[in-house]
Amino acid sequence: MSDKNGSAKPDLVALREDIRQTRADLGETVQALAARADVKARAREQVQETKQRVLTRAAEMTGRIRETPPRELAHQAGSQVRANPMPAVLLVAGIAALAGIILIVRGRR
């Protein structure tokens, strides 16, 4: 009988340890799911990250602009427009459309 009692205790101890580990794992899983379900907190974190990224980028660009002479900035802007004229064309088209709308509205009065 002592063999049965001696072998039963390690199994019981191992079973209790397994239960404790399962509970800990389950607790971690529940916390992870709760964090994922908290949409407001995730949105706030995303806003903070984006805000920090924009502020960092703005500081970098401000420093670069202050260090670069105006002629060089104008040359860089001209090079970018020549490389990709589509935004400039769209801007001119938008201004022309806006002017046309204003003239039409004024003509009806």
PDB file of N, CA and C in Angstrom:
ATOM      1  N   MET A   1       0.809  -1.195   0.000  1.00  0.00           N
ATOM      2  CA  MET A   1       0.000   0.000   0.000  1.00  0.00           C
ATOM      3  C   MET A   1       0.851   1.257   0.000  1.00  0.00           C
ATOM      4  N   SER A   2       1.995   1.171   0.632  1.00  0.00           N
ATOM      5  CA  SER A   2       2.833   2.352   0.665  1.00  0.00           C
ATOM      6  C   SER A   2       3.329   2.711  -0.727  1.00  0.00           C
ATOM      7  N   ASP A   3       3.446   1.710  -1.627  1.00  0.00           N
ATOM      8  CA  ASP A   3       3.846   2.008  -2.993  1.00  0.00           C
ATOM      9  C   ASP A   3       2.774   2.844  -3.695  1.00  0.00           C
ATOM     10  N   LYS A   4       1.534   2.501  -3.446  1.00  0.00           N
ATOM     11  CA  LYS A   4       0.456   3.266  -4.083  1.00  0.00           C
ATOM     12  C   LYS A   4       0.396   4.682  -3.536  1.00  0.00           C
ATOM     13  N   ASN A   5       0.531   4.821  -2.237  1.00  0.00           N
ATOM     14  CA  ASN A   5       0.487   6.158  -1.640  1.00  0.00           C
ATOM     15  C   ASN A   5       1.672   7.001  -2.097  1.00  0.00           C
ATOM     16  N   GLY A   6       2.832   6.402  -2.200  1.00  0.00           N
ATOM     17  CA  GLY A   6       4.030   7.109  -2.622  1.00  0.00           C
ATOM     18  C   GLY A   6       3.942   7.532  -4.075  1.00  0.00           C
ATOM     19  N   SER A   7       3.392   6.717  -4.936  1.00  0.00           N
ATOM     20  CA  SER A   7       3.302   7.060  -6.349  1.00  0.00           C
ATOM     21  C   SER A   7       2.129   7.996  -6.628  1.00  0.00           C
ATOM     22  N   ALA A   8       1.143   8.010  -5.786  1.00  0.00           N
ATOM     23  CA  ALA A   8      -0.022   8.872  -5.986  1.00  0.00           C
ATOM     24  C   ALA A   8       0.320  10.328  -5.690  1.00  0.00           C
ATOM     25  N   LYS A   9       1.181  10.571  -4.724  1.00  0.00           N
ATOM     26  CA  LYS A   9       1.526  11.943  -4.359  1.00  0.00           C
ATOM     27  C   LYS A   9       2.238  12.682  -5.492  1.00  0.00           C
ATOM     28  N   PRO A  10       3.239  12.098  -6.153  1.00  0.00           N
ATOM     29  CA  PRO A  10       3.872  12.823  -7.254  1.00  0.00           C
ATOM     30  C   PRO A  10       2.886  13.121  -8.391  1.00  0.00           C
ATOM     31  N   ASP A  11       1.970  12.199  -8.659  1.00  0.00           N
ATOM     32  CA  ASP A  11       0.975  12.454  -9.700  1.00  0.00           C
ATOM     33  C   ASP A  11       0.067  13.617  -9.301  1.00  0.00           C
ATOM     34  N   LEU A  12      -0.311  13.654  -8.051  1.00  0.00           N
ATOM     35  CA  LEU A  12      -1.170  14.713  -7.542  1.00  0.00           C
ATOM     36  C   LEU A  12      -0.427  16.057  -7.584  1.00  0.00           C
ATOM     37  N   VAL A  13       0.822  16.036  -7.214  1.00  0.00           N
ATOM     38  CA  VAL A  13       1.635  17.253  -7.240  1.00  0.00           C
ATOM     39  C   VAL A  13       1.801  17.737  -8.685  1.00  0.00           C
ATOM     40  N   ALA A  14       2.075  16.804  -9.575  1.00  0.00           N
ATOM     41  CA  ALA A  14       2.238  17.165 -10.987  1.00  0.00           C
ATOM     42  C   ALA A  14       0.925  17.701 -11.555  1.00  0.00           C
ATOM     43  N   LEU A  15      -0.168  17.092 -11.164  1.00  0.00           N
ATOM     44  CA  LEU A  15      -1.480  17.543 -11.633  1.00  0.00           C
ATOM     45  C   LEU A  15      -1.778  18.956 -11.124  1.00  0.00           C
ATOM     46  N   ARG A  16      -1.473  19.222  -9.857  1.00  0.00           N
ATOM     47  CA  ARG A  16      -1.702  20.563  -9.312  1.00  0.00           C
ATOM     48  C   ARG A  16      -0.818  21.600 -10.003  1.00  0.00           C
ATOM     49  N   GLU A  17       0.420  21.227 -10.289  1.00  0.00           N
ATOM     50  CA  GLU A  17       1.325  22.141 -11.001  1.00  0.00           C
ATOM     51  C   GLU A  17       0.806  22.417 -12.409  1.00  0.00           C
ATOM     52  N   ASP A  18       0.287  21.381 -13.059  1.00  0.00           N
ATOM     53  CA  ASP A  18      -0.278  21.540 -14.393  1.00  0.00           C
ATOM     54  C   ASP A  18      -1.497  22.473 -14.359  1.00  0.00           C
ATOM     55  N   ILE A  19      -2.334  22.326 -13.350  1.00  0.00           N
ATOM     56  CA  ILE A  19      -3.505  23.187 -13.192  1.00  0.00           C
ATOM     57  C   ILE A  19      -3.067  24.626 -12.953  1.00  0.00           C
ATOM     58  N   ARG A  20      -2.056  24.830 -12.114  1.00  0.00           N
ATOM     59  CA  ARG A  20      -1.558  26.181 -11.837  1.00  0.00           C
ATOM     60  C   ARG A  20      -1.018  26.829 -13.111  1.00  0.00           C
ATOM     61  N   GLN A  21      -0.271  26.056 -13.897  1.00  0.00           N
ATOM     62  CA  GLN A  21       0.292  26.587 -15.145  1.00  0.00           C
ATOM     63  C   GLN A  21      -0.817  26.912 -16.150  1.00  0.00           C
ATOM     64  N   THR A  22      -1.822  26.059 -16.222  1.00  0.00           N
ATOM     65  CA  THR A  22      -2.944  26.300 -17.132  1.00  0.00           C
ATOM     66  C   THR A  22      -3.698  27.563 -16.746  1.00  0.00           C
ATOM     67  N   ARG A  23      -3.900  27.763 -15.443  1.00  0.00           N
ATOM     68  CA  ARG A  23      -4.571  28.983 -14.978  1.00  0.00           C
ATOM     69  C   ARG A  23      -3.756  30.230 -15.331  1.00  0.00           C
ATOM     70  N   ALA A  24      -2.454  30.144 -15.166  1.00  0.00           N
ATOM     71  CA  ALA A  24      -1.598  31.292 -15.504  1.00  0.00           C
ATOM     72  C   ALA A  24      -1.678  31.585 -16.995  1.00  0.00           C
ATOM     73  N   ASP A  25      -1.612  30.547 -17.821  1.00  0.00           N
ATOM     74  CA  ASP A  25      -1.713  30.723 -19.273  1.00  0.00           C
ATOM     75  C   ASP A  25      -3.068  31.307 -19.662  1.00  0.00           C
ATOM     76  N   LEU A  26      -4.111  30.820 -19.037  1.00  0.00           N
ATOM     77  CA  LEU A  26      -5.455  31.313 -19.325  1.00  0.00           C
ATOM     78  C   LEU A  26      -5.582  32.784 -18.932  1.00  0.00           C
ATOM     79  N   GLY A  27      -4.995  33.161 -17.793  1.00  0.00           N
ATOM     80  CA  GLY A  27      -5.019  34.559 -17.362  1.00  0.00           C
ATOM     81  C   GLY A  27      -4.317  35.463 -18.364  1.00  0.00           C
ATOM     82  N   GLU A  28      -3.172  35.022 -18.880  1.00  0.00           N
ATOM     83  CA  GLU A  28      -2.449  35.804 -19.881  1.00  0.00           C
ATOM     84  C   GLU A  28      -3.267  35.935 -21.165  1.00  0.00           C
ATOM     85  N   THR A  29      -3.921  34.848 -21.561  1.00  0.00           N
ATOM     86  CA  THR A  29      -4.735  34.877 -22.770  1.00  0.00           C
ATOM     87  C   THR A  29      -5.907  35.843 -22.619  1.00  0.00           C
ATOM     88  N   VAL A  30      -6.543  35.831 -21.468  1.00  0.00           N
ATOM     89  CA  VAL A  30      -7.676  36.721 -21.215  1.00  0.00           C
ATOM     90  C   VAL A  30      -7.205  38.177 -21.246  1.00  0.00           C
ATOM     91  N   GLN A  31      -6.052  38.452 -20.660  1.00  0.00           N
ATOM     92  CA  GLN A  31      -5.520  39.820 -20.684  1.00  0.00           C
ATOM     93  C   GLN A  31      -5.219  40.267 -22.110  1.00  0.00           C
ATOM     94  N   ALA A  32      -4.649  39.386 -22.917  1.00  0.00           N
ATOM     95  CA  ALA A  32      -4.338  39.724 -24.311  1.00  0.00           C
ATOM     96  C   ALA A  32      -5.616  39.994 -25.097  1.00  0.00           C
ATOM     97  N   LEU A  33      -6.642  39.176 -24.890  1.00  0.00           N
ATOM     98  CA  LEU A  33      -7.917  39.382 -25.579  1.00  0.00           C
ATOM     99  C   LEU A  33      -8.590  40.673 -25.125  1.00  0.00           C
ATOM    100  N   ALA A  34      -8.504  40.975 -23.847  1.00  0.00           N
ATOM    101  CA  ALA A  34      -9.100  42.207 -23.338  1.00  0.00           C
ATOM    102  C   ALA A  34      -8.391  43.422 -23.937  1.00  0.00           C
ATOM    103  N   ALA A  35      -7.075  43.338 -24.071  1.00  0.00           N
ATOM    104  CA  ALA A  35      -6.329  44.454 -24.668  1.00  0.00           C
ATOM    105  C   ALA A  35      -6.714  44.642 -26.126  1.00  0.00           C
ATOM    106  N   ARG A  36      -6.912  43.547 -26.836  1.00  0.00           N
ATOM    107  CA  ARG A  36      -7.324  43.643 -28.239  1.00  0.00           C
ATOM    108  C   ARG A  36      -8.738  44.181 -28.378  1.00  0.00           C
ATOM    109  N   ALA A  37      -9.592  43.873 -27.436  1.00  0.00           N
ATOM    110  CA  ALA A  37     -10.989  44.291 -27.509  1.00  0.00           C
ATOM    111  C   ALA A  37     -11.157  45.761 -27.121  1.00  0.00           C
ATOM    112  N   ASP A  38     -10.175  46.336 -26.441  1.00  0.00           N
ATOM    113  CA  ASP A  38     -10.258  47.734 -26.016  1.00  0.00           C
ATOM    114  C   ASP A  38      -9.898  48.638 -27.189  1.00  0.00           C
ATOM    115  N   VAL A  39     -10.886  48.930 -28.015  1.00  0.00           N
ATOM    116  CA  VAL A  39     -10.677  49.692 -29.244  1.00  0.00           C
ATOM    117  C   VAL A  39     -10.260  51.125 -28.929  1.00  0.00           C
ATOM    118  N   LYS A  40     -10.850  51.729 -27.915  1.00  0.00           N
ATOM    119  CA  LYS A  40     -10.513  53.109 -27.573  1.00  0.00           C
ATOM    120  C   LYS A  40      -9.041  53.237 -27.184  1.00  0.00           C
ATOM    121  N   ALA A  41      -8.573  52.313 -26.369  1.00  0.00           N
ATOM    122  CA  ALA A  41      -7.169  52.378 -25.946  1.00  0.00           C
ATOM    123  C   ALA A  41      -6.232  52.163 -27.128  1.00  0.00           C
ATOM    124  N   ARG A  42      -6.581  51.237 -28.004  1.00  0.00           N
ATOM    125  CA  ARG A  42      -5.748  50.998 -29.186  1.00  0.00           C
ATOM    126  C   ARG A  42      -5.737  52.218 -30.097  1.00  0.00           C
ATOM    127  N   ALA A  43      -6.892  52.867 -30.239  1.00  0.00           N
ATOM    128  CA  ALA A  43      -6.968  54.069 -31.075  1.00  0.00           C
ATOM    129  C   ALA A  43      -6.131  55.193 -30.469  1.00  0.00           C
ATOM    130  N   ARG A  44      -6.203  55.352 -29.143  1.00  0.00           N
ATOM    131  CA  ARG A  44      -5.398  56.372 -28.475  1.00  0.00           C
ATOM    132  C   ARG A  44      -3.904  56.116 -28.682  1.00  0.00           C
ATOM    133  N   GLU A  45      -3.494  54.856 -28.558  1.00  0.00           N
ATOM    134  CA  GLU A  45      -2.090  54.511 -28.773  1.00  0.00           C
ATOM    135  C   GLU A  45      -1.663  54.842 -30.201  1.00  0.00           C
ATOM    136  N   GLN A  46      -2.517  54.513 -31.151  1.00  0.00           N
ATOM    137  CA  GLN A  46      -2.207  54.781 -32.558  1.00  0.00           C
ATOM    138  C   GLN A  46      -2.094  56.285 -32.808  1.00  0.00           C
ATOM    139  N   VAL A  47      -2.987  57.056 -32.205  1.00  0.00           N
ATOM    140  CA  VAL A  47      -2.946  58.509 -32.363  1.00  0.00           C
ATOM    141  C   VAL A  47      -1.657  59.057 -31.761  1.00  0.00           C
ATOM    142  N   GLN A  48      -1.291  58.569 -30.585  1.00  0.00           N
ATOM    143  CA  GLN A  48      -0.058  59.035 -29.943  1.00  0.00           C
ATOM    144  C   GLN A  48       1.167  58.700 -30.797  1.00  0.00           C
ATOM    145  N   GLU A  49       1.219  57.489 -31.331  1.00  0.00           N
ATOM    146  CA  GLU A  49       2.347  57.084 -32.173  1.00  0.00           C
ATOM    147  C   GLU A  49       2.427  57.958 -33.427  1.00  0.00           C
ATOM    148  N   THR A  50       1.293  58.176 -34.057  1.00  0.00           N
ATOM    149  CA  THR A  50       1.259  58.992 -35.273  1.00  0.00           C
ATOM    150  C   THR A  50       1.648  60.431 -34.957  1.00  0.00           C
ATOM    151  N   LYS A  51       1.136  60.944 -33.860  1.00  0.00           N
ATOM    152  CA  LYS A  51       1.446  62.310 -33.453  1.00  0.00           C
ATOM    153  C   LYS A  51       2.956  62.473 -33.230  1.00  0.00           C
ATOM    154  N   GLN A  52       3.553  61.508 -32.534  1.00  0.00           N
ATOM    155  CA  GLN A  52       4.982  61.575 -32.265  1.00  0.00           C
ATOM    156  C   GLN A  52       5.785  61.491 -33.559  1.00  0.00           C
ATOM    157  N   ARG A  53       5.343  60.612 -34.458  1.00  0.00           N
ATOM    158  CA  ARG A  53       6.038  60.457 -35.741  1.00  0.00           C
ATOM    159  C   ARG A  53       5.970  61.753 -36.554  1.00  0.00           C
ATOM    160  N   VAL A  54       4.796  62.403 -36.558  1.00  0.00           N
ATOM    161  CA  VAL A  54       4.628  63.659 -37.306  1.00  0.00           C
ATOM    162  C   VAL A  54       5.473  64.765 -36.684  1.00  0.00           C
ATOM    163  N   LEU A  55       5.479  64.859 -35.362  1.00  0.00           N
ATOM    164  CA  LEU A  55       6.271  65.887 -34.699  1.00  0.00           C
ATOM    165  C   LEU A  55       7.765  65.696 -34.969  1.00  0.00           C
ATOM    166  N   THR A  56       8.209  64.453 -34.939  1.00  0.00           N
ATOM    167  CA  THR A  56       9.614  64.168 -35.226  1.00  0.00           C
ATOM    168  C   THR A  56       9.956  64.548 -36.653  1.00  0.00           C
ATOM    169  N   ARG A  57       9.103  64.159 -37.585  1.00  0.00           N
ATOM    170  CA  ARG A  57       9.340  64.473 -38.996  1.00  0.00           C
ATOM    171  C   ARG A  57       9.313  65.987 -39.231  1.00  0.00           C
ATOM    172  N   ALA A  58       8.383  66.684 -38.580  1.00  0.00           N
ATOM    173  CA  ALA A  58       8.293  68.138 -38.731  1.00  0.00           C
ATOM    174  C   ALA A  58       9.561  68.808 -38.196  1.00  0.00           C
ATOM    175  N   ALA A  59      10.057  68.329 -37.070  1.00  0.00           N
ATOM    176  CA  ALA A  59      11.288  68.906 -36.512  1.00  0.00           C
ATOM    177  C   ALA A  59      12.468  68.666 -37.452  1.00  0.00           C
ATOM    178  N   GLU A  60      12.542  67.480 -38.029  1.00  0.00           N
ATOM    179  CA  GLU A  60      13.619  67.184 -38.983  1.00  0.00           C
ATOM    180  C   GLU A  60      13.539  68.112 -40.194  1.00  0.00           C
ATOM    181  N   MET A  61      12.333  68.254 -40.742  1.00  0.00           N
ATOM    182  CA  MET A  61      12.166  69.082 -41.932  1.00  0.00           C
ATOM    183  C   MET A  61      12.423  70.561 -41.620  1.00  0.00           C
ATOM    184  N   THR A  62      11.989  71.023 -40.458  1.00  0.00           N
ATOM    185  CA  THR A  62      12.224  72.414 -40.078  1.00  0.00           C
ATOM    186  C   THR A  62      13.722  72.691 -39.994  1.00  0.00           C
ATOM    187  N   GLY A  63      14.439  71.781 -39.373  1.00  0.00           N
ATOM    188  CA  GLY A  63      15.888  71.940 -39.280  1.00  0.00           C
ATOM    189  C   GLY A  63      16.542  71.936 -40.649  1.00  0.00           C
ATOM    190  N   ARG A  64      16.085  71.060 -41.514  1.00  0.00           N
ATOM    191  CA  ARG A  64      16.642  70.976 -42.862  1.00  0.00           C
ATOM    192  C   ARG A  64      16.347  72.235 -43.664  1.00  0.00           C
ATOM    193  N   ILE A  65      15.140  72.765 -43.520  1.00  0.00           N
ATOM    194  CA  ILE A  65      14.763  73.972 -44.254  1.00  0.00           C
ATOM    195  C   ILE A  65      15.566  75.176 -43.755  1.00  0.00           C
ATOM    196  N   ARG A  66      15.767  75.253 -42.451  1.00  0.00           N
ATOM    197  CA  ARG A  66      16.531  76.383 -41.899  1.00  0.00           C
ATOM    198  C   ARG A  66      17.987  76.349 -42.352  1.00  0.00           C
ATOM    199  N   GLU A  67      18.513  75.153 -42.555  1.00  0.00           N
ATOM    200  CA  GLU A  67      19.906  75.012 -42.961  1.00  0.00           C
ATOM    201  C   GLU A  67      20.101  75.197 -44.462  1.00  0.00           C
ATOM    202  N   THR A  68      19.049  75.005 -45.259  1.00  0.00           N
ATOM    203  CA  THR A  68      19.165  75.063 -46.714  1.00  0.00           C
ATOM    204  C   THR A  68      18.867  76.476 -47.215  1.00  0.00           C
ATOM    205  N   PRO A  69      19.715  77.019 -48.080  1.00  0.00           N
ATOM    206  CA  PRO A  69      19.453  78.351 -48.633  1.00  0.00           C
ATOM    207  C   PRO A  69      18.177  78.355 -49.487  1.00  0.00           C
ATOM    208  N   PRO A  70      17.482  79.506 -49.563  1.00  0.00           N
ATOM    209  CA  PRO A  70      16.223  79.589 -50.315  1.00  0.00           C
ATOM    210  C   PRO A  70      16.363  79.222 -51.793  1.00  0.00           C
ATOM    211  N   ARG A  71      17.464  79.606 -52.412  1.00  0.00           N
ATOM    212  CA  ARG A  71      17.647  79.268 -53.835  1.00  0.00           C
ATOM    213  C   ARG A  71      17.691  77.757 -54.036  1.00  0.00           C
ATOM    214  N   GLU A  72      18.368  77.087 -53.126  1.00  0.00           N
ATOM    215  CA  GLU A  72      18.462  75.626 -53.247  1.00  0.00           C
ATOM    216  C   GLU A  72      17.095  74.981 -53.030  1.00  0.00           C
ATOM    217  N   LEU A  73      16.311  75.515 -52.078  1.00  0.00           N
ATOM    218  CA  LEU A  73      14.954  75.002 -51.855  1.00  0.00           C
ATOM    219  C   LEU A  73      14.097  75.176 -53.109  1.00  0.00           C
ATOM    220  N   ALA A  74      14.208  76.346 -53.751  1.00  0.00           N
ATOM    221  CA  ALA A  74      13.435  76.592 -54.973  1.00  0.00           C
ATOM    222  C   ALA A  74      13.880  75.636 -56.074  1.00  0.00           C
ATOM    223  N   HIS A  75      15.170  75.388 -56.149  1.00  0.00           N
ATOM    224  CA  HIS A  75      15.678  74.457 -57.157  1.00  0.00           C
ATOM    225  C   HIS A  75      15.164  73.031 -56.900  1.00  0.00           C
ATOM    226  N   GLN A  76      15.159  72.628 -55.624  1.00  0.00           N
ATOM    227  CA  GLN A  76      14.649  71.295 -55.278  1.00  0.00           C
ATOM    228  C   GLN A  76      13.166  71.173 -55.608  1.00  0.00           C
ATOM    229  N   ALA A  77      12.390  72.208 -55.316  1.00  0.00           N
ATOM    230  CA  ALA A  77      10.955  72.171 -55.609  1.00  0.00           C
ATOM    231  C   ALA A  77      10.728  72.079 -57.116  1.00  0.00           C
ATOM    232  N   GLY A  78      11.491  72.855 -57.889  1.00  0.00           N
ATOM    233  CA  GLY A  78      11.370  72.794 -59.342  1.00  0.00           C
ATOM    234  C   GLY A  78      11.737  71.431 -59.888  1.00  0.00           C
ATOM    235  N   SER A  79      12.751  70.817 -59.325  1.00  0.00           N
ATOM    236  CA  SER A  79      13.157  69.477 -59.759  1.00  0.00           C
ATOM    237  C   SER A  79      12.063  68.453 -59.475  1.00  0.00           C
ATOM    238  N   GLN A  80      11.427  68.585 -58.316  1.00  0.00           N
ATOM    239  CA  GLN A  80      10.350  67.651 -57.970  1.00  0.00           C
ATOM    240  C   GLN A  80       9.158  67.820 -58.905  1.00  0.00           C
ATOM    241  N   VAL A  81       8.832  69.055 -59.258  1.00  0.00           N
ATOM    242  CA  VAL A  81       7.709  69.292 -60.170  1.00  0.00           C
ATOM    243  C   VAL A  81       8.032  68.738 -61.553  1.00  0.00           C
ATOM    244  N   ARG A  82       9.272  68.930 -62.000  1.00  0.00           N
ATOM    245  CA  ARG A  82       9.657  68.392 -63.309  1.00  0.00           C
ATOM    246  C   ARG A  82       9.662  66.862 -63.290  1.00  0.00           C
ATOM    247  N   ALA A  83      10.056  66.280 -62.179  1.00  0.00           N
ATOM    248  CA  ALA A  83      10.101  64.818 -62.081  1.00  0.00           C
ATOM    249  C   ALA A  83       8.696  64.220 -62.054  1.00  0.00           C
ATOM    250  N   ASN A  84       7.749  64.893 -61.401  1.00  0.00           N
ATOM    251  CA  ASN A  84       6.382  64.384 -61.300  1.00  0.00           C
ATOM    252  C   ASN A  84       5.424  65.575 -61.434  1.00  0.00           C
ATOM    253  N   PRO A  85       5.070  65.970 -62.650  1.00  0.00           N
ATOM    254  CA  PRO A  85       4.252  67.169 -62.847  1.00  0.00           C
ATOM    255  C   PRO A  85       2.768  66.976 -62.537  1.00  0.00           C
ATOM    256  N   MET A  86       2.322  65.758 -62.291  1.00  0.00           N
ATOM    257  CA  MET A  86       0.896  65.494 -62.106  1.00  0.00           C
ATOM    258  C   MET A  86       0.290  66.318 -60.963  1.00  0.00           C
ATOM    259  N   PRO A  87       0.897  66.404 -59.759  1.00  0.00           N
ATOM    260  CA  PRO A  87       0.275  67.219 -58.713  1.00  0.00           C
ATOM    261  C   PRO A  87       0.149  68.688 -59.116  1.00  0.00           C
ATOM    262  N   ALA A  88       1.148  69.216 -59.807  1.00  0.00           N
ATOM    263  CA  ALA A  88       1.068  70.612 -60.238  1.00  0.00           C
ATOM    264  C   ALA A  88      -0.048  70.792 -61.255  1.00  0.00           C
ATOM    265  N   VAL A  89      -0.192  69.847 -62.168  1.00  0.00           N
ATOM    266  CA  VAL A  89      -1.250  69.915 -63.173  1.00  0.00           C
ATOM    267  C   VAL A  89      -2.622  69.844 -62.503  1.00  0.00           C
ATOM    268  N   LEU A  90      -2.756  68.950 -61.532  1.00  0.00           N
ATOM    269  CA  LEU A  90      -4.025  68.829 -60.812  1.00  0.00           C
ATOM    270  C   LEU A  90      -4.337  70.096 -60.033  1.00  0.00           C
ATOM    271  N   LEU A  91      -3.320  70.719 -59.448  1.00  0.00           N
ATOM    272  CA  LEU A  91      -3.528  71.960 -58.711  1.00  0.00           C
ATOM    273  C   LEU A  91      -4.018  73.063 -59.645  1.00  0.00           C
ATOM    274  N   VAL A  92      -3.382  73.208 -60.795  1.00  0.00           N
ATOM    275  CA  VAL A  92      -3.798  74.225 -61.768  1.00  0.00           C
ATOM    276  C   VAL A  92      -5.216  73.938 -62.257  1.00  0.00           C
ATOM    277  N   ALA A  93      -5.535  72.671 -62.536  1.00  0.00           N
ATOM    278  CA  ALA A  93      -6.879  72.305 -62.986  1.00  0.00           C
ATOM    279  C   ALA A  93      -7.914  72.613 -61.907  1.00  0.00           C
ATOM    280  N   GLY A  94      -7.581  72.356 -60.661  1.00  0.00           N
ATOM    281  CA  GLY A  94      -8.496  72.653 -59.553  1.00  0.00           C
ATOM    282  C   GLY A  94      -8.753  74.139 -59.414  1.00  0.00           C
ATOM    283  N   ILE A  95      -7.697  74.925 -59.533  1.00  0.00           N
ATOM    284  CA  ILE A  95      -7.859  76.381 -59.442  1.00  0.00           C
ATOM    285  C   ILE A  95      -8.715  76.889 -60.605  1.00  0.00           C
ATOM    286  N   ALA A  96      -8.482  76.355 -61.807  1.00  0.00           N
ATOM    287  CA  ALA A  96      -9.283  76.768 -62.968  1.00  0.00           C
ATOM    288  C   ALA A  96     -10.748  76.386 -62.776  1.00  0.00           C
ATOM    289  N   ALA A  97     -11.008  75.203 -62.260  1.00  0.00           N
ATOM    290  CA  ALA A  97     -12.386  74.774 -62.021  1.00  0.00           C
ATOM    291  C   ALA A  97     -13.045  75.660 -60.975  1.00  0.00           C
ATOM    292  N   LEU A  98     -12.325  75.993 -59.927  1.00  0.00           N
ATOM    293  CA  LEU A  98     -12.862  76.866 -58.885  1.00  0.00           C
ATOM    294  C   LEU A  98     -13.177  78.249 -59.447  1.00  0.00           C
ATOM    295  N   ALA A  99     -12.276  78.785 -60.263  1.00  0.00           N
ATOM    296  CA  ALA A  99     -12.516  80.099 -60.879  1.00  0.00           C
ATOM    297  C   ALA A  99     -13.742  80.031 -61.789  1.00  0.00           C
ATOM    298  N   GLY A 100     -13.888  78.952 -62.548  1.00  0.00           N
ATOM    299  CA  GLY A 100     -15.054  78.792 -63.417  1.00  0.00           C
ATOM    300  C   GLY A 100     -16.343  78.740 -62.627  1.00  0.00           C
ATOM    301  N   ILE A 101     -16.357  78.036 -61.538  1.00  0.00           N
ATOM    302  CA  ILE A 101     -17.551  77.935 -60.695  1.00  0.00           C
ATOM    303  C   ILE A 101     -17.905  79.301 -60.129  1.00  0.00           C
ATOM    304  N   ILE A 102     -16.895  80.028 -59.658  1.00  0.00           N
ATOM    305  CA  ILE A 102     -17.157  81.368 -59.103  1.00  0.00           C
ATOM    306  C   ILE A 102     -17.749  82.282 -60.166  1.00  0.00           C
ATOM    307  N   LEU A 103     -17.195  82.241 -61.387  1.00  0.00           N
ATOM    308  CA  LEU A 103     -17.719  83.088 -62.462  1.00  0.00           C
ATOM    309  C   LEU A 103     -19.150  82.714 -62.823  1.00  0.00           C
ATOM    310  N   ILE A 104     -19.467  81.444 -62.849  1.00  0.00           N
ATOM    311  CA  ILE A 104     -20.825  81.004 -63.166  1.00  0.00           C
ATOM    312  C   ILE A 104     -21.798  81.453 -62.094  1.00  0.00           C
ATOM    313  N   VAL A 105     -21.422  81.286 -60.828  1.00  0.00           N
ATOM    314  CA  VAL A 105     -22.302  81.685 -59.725  1.00  0.00           C
ATOM    315  C   VAL A 105     -22.503  83.202 -59.745  1.00  0.00           C
ATOM    316  N   ARG A 106     -21.475  83.974 -59.992  1.00  0.00           N
ATOM    317  CA  ARG A 106     -21.598  85.436 -60.032  1.00  0.00           C
ATOM    318  C   ARG A 106     -22.468  85.876 -61.215  1.00  0.00           C
ATOM    319  N   GLY A 107     -22.383  85.172 -62.332  1.00  0.00           N
ATOM    320  CA  GLY A 107     -23.164  85.521 -63.515  1.00  0.00           C
ATOM    321  C   GLY A 107     -24.649  85.288 -63.311  1.00  0.00           C
ATOM    322  N   ARG A 108     -25.043  84.388 -62.449  1.00  0.00           N
ATOM    323  CA  ARG A 108     -26.458  84.103 -62.199  1.00  0.00           C
ATOM    324  C   ARG A 108     -27.105  85.148 -61.312  1.00  0.00           C
ATOM    325  N   ARG A 109     -26.336  85.887 -60.594  1.00  0.00           N
ATOM    326  CA  ARG A 109     -26.899  86.885 -59.667  1.00  0.00           C
ATOM    327  C   ARG A 109     -27.295  88.070 -60.403  1.00  0.00           C
TER     328      ARG A 109
END
